[in-house]
Amino acid sequence: MFDIYFIHGWGFDKSFWLPASKYIKQNELIRSLFFLDLNFFGSNTKNKINRNSKMNIFITHSYGFHWILEKKIDFIGLINFFSAPSFINFQKNPKKAKVTLNLMIKKFESSPNFVLEKF
């Protein structure tokens, strides 16, 4: 049996996947679904991933793609959307993008709403 994990992108939480979750559950398409939360909003959720399974499938959005690759977890399938393997190098002006991203990270702690609106 497959375990399917949904991982949201930067600036979201696991509620990002609610529309997909409702559709899947209403149509009884999959039994084992997990919605991971990367805790951008301080929820301190403990994500549980079956690292021993070779039947894991990950569906990722944006930063979730980078997160799962950094964890080096075995999986049989990966579906990703709205992401590039290297966010900085994907930009037209990588040096400017790096400065902008570092500024966003620095300001995020003191003014998260401002940073998210600008993002």
Protein backbone atom coordinates (compact mmCIF):
# COMPACT_ATOMS: atom_id res chain seq x y z
CA MET A 1 0.00 0.00 0.00
CA PHE A 2 1.19 3.52 -0.80
CA ASP A 3 1.63 6.32 1.71
CA ILE A 4 1.02 9.67 0.04
CA TYR A 5 2.43 12.82 1.60
CA PHE A 6 1.53 16.37 0.62
CA ILE A 7 4.09 19.09 1.40
CA HIS A 8 3.20 22.77 0.99
CA GLY A 9 5.43 25.60 -0.15
CA TRP A 10 6.99 28.57 1.59
CA GLY A 11 4.55 30.93 3.29
CA PHE A 12 1.75 28.33 3.51
CA ASP A 13 0.67 25.65 5.95
CA LYS A 14 -0.92 22.25 5.46
CA SER A 15 -4.35 23.84 4.87
CA PHE A 16 -2.99 24.66 1.38
CA TRP A 17 -4.03 21.11 0.47
CA LEU A 18 -7.64 21.25 1.79
CA PRO A 19 -9.31 21.36 -1.65
CA ALA A 20 -7.29 18.36 -2.85
CA SER A 21 -7.92 16.52 0.43
CA LYS A 22 -11.69 17.02 0.22
CA TYR A 23 -11.80 15.79 -3.37
CA ILE A 24 -9.70 12.70 -2.66
CA LYS A 25 -11.73 11.76 0.43
CA GLN A 26 -15.12 12.37 -1.22
CA ASN A 27 -14.17 10.14 -4.12
CA GLU A 28 -12.44 7.52 -1.92
CA LEU A 29 -9.40 7.59 -4.18
CA ILE A 30 -6.67 6.94 -1.59
CA ARG A 31 -6.76 5.68 1.99
CA SER A 32 -3.39 6.71 3.41
CA LEU A 33 -2.88 10.48 3.13
CA PHE A 34 -0.56 12.67 5.18
CA PHE A 35 -0.39 16.46 5.09
CA LEU A 36 2.94 17.67 6.44
CA ASP A 37 3.32 21.12 7.97
CA LEU A 38 6.67 22.88 7.65
CA ASN A 39 5.75 25.12 10.62
CA PHE A 40 6.18 28.52 8.97
CA PHE A 41 3.53 29.86 11.36
CA GLY A 42 4.86 28.33 14.57
CA SER A 43 2.51 25.35 14.77
CA ASN A 44 5.34 23.03 15.92
CA THR A 45 3.71 20.08 14.19
CA LYS A 46 5.75 16.89 14.35
CA ASN A 47 5.68 15.36 10.89
CA LYS A 48 5.78 11.59 10.76
CA ILE A 49 7.16 9.96 7.63
CA ASN A 50 7.58 6.23 7.25
CA ARG A 51 11.28 6.22 6.34
CA ASN A 52 11.34 2.42 6.11
CA SER A 53 8.74 2.28 3.36
CA LYS A 54 9.77 2.07 -0.28
CA MET A 55 6.16 2.92 -1.22
CA ASN A 56 6.13 6.61 -0.27
CA ILE A 57 4.81 9.13 -2.78
CA PHE A 58 5.32 12.85 -2.23
CA ILE A 59 3.30 15.64 -3.79
CA THR A 60 5.10 18.91 -3.29
CA HIS A 61 4.49 22.57 -3.91
CA SER A 62 7.26 25.15 -4.24
CA TYR A 63 9.62 24.97 -1.24
CA GLY A 64 8.17 21.57 -0.26
CA PHE A 65 10.17 20.13 -3.18
CA HIS A 66 13.43 21.41 -1.72
CA TRP A 67 12.46 20.27 1.76
CA ILE A 68 11.87 16.66 0.74
CA LEU A 69 15.09 16.51 -1.29
CA GLU A 70 17.07 17.79 1.72
CA LYS A 71 15.57 15.05 3.94
CA LYS A 72 16.91 12.30 1.63
CA ILE A 73 13.89 10.06 2.15
CA ASP A 74 13.33 7.10 -0.17
CA PHE A 75 10.25 7.30 -2.32
CA ILE A 76 8.70 5.57 -5.29
CA GLY A 77 7.17 8.73 -6.74
CA LEU A 78 7.46 12.50 -6.57
CA ILE A 79 5.04 14.98 -8.10
CA ASN A 80 6.12 18.60 -7.91
CA PHE A 81 4.63 21.84 -9.14
CA PHE A 82 5.65 25.48 -9.03
CA SER A 83 9.26 24.94 -8.10
CA ALA A 84 12.71 24.82 -9.61
CA PRO A 85 15.62 22.71 -8.33
CA SER A 86 17.51 25.93 -7.58
CA PHE A 87 15.31 28.95 -6.89
CA ILE A 88 18.21 31.42 -6.99
CA ASN A 89 19.82 30.12 -10.20
CA PHE A 90 16.43 29.93 -11.92
CA GLN A 91 16.03 33.72 -11.68
CA LYS A 92 17.06 36.12 -14.47
CA ASN A 93 19.39 37.97 -12.11
CA PRO A 94 20.62 35.42 -9.50
CA LYS A 95 22.76 37.92 -7.54
CA LYS A 96 19.83 40.31 -7.08
CA ALA A 97 17.50 37.41 -6.22
CA LYS A 98 19.89 36.24 -3.51
CA VAL A 99 20.06 39.71 -1.94
CA THR A 100 16.25 40.03 -2.08
CA LEU A 101 15.72 36.57 -0.58
CA ASN A 102 18.18 37.23 2.25
CA LEU A 103 16.40 40.52 3.01
CA MET A 104 13.03 38.72 3.09
CA ILE A 105 14.39 36.12 5.49
CA LYS A 106 15.86 38.81 7.74
CA LYS A 107 12.60 40.81 7.85
CA PHE A 108 10.33 37.76 8.16
CA GLU A 109 10.86 37.37 11.90
CA SER A 110 9.91 40.95 12.75
CA SER A 111 7.28 41.59 10.03
CA PRO A 112 5.94 38.30 8.61
CA ASN A 113 2.70 39.78 7.24
CA PHE A 114 4.59 42.52 5.38
CA VAL A 115 7.00 39.99 3.85
CA LEU A 116 4.19 37.62 2.80
CA GLU A 117 2.23 40.45 1.18
CA LYS A 118 5.31 41.55 -0.79
CA PHE A 119 6.07 37.95 -1.76
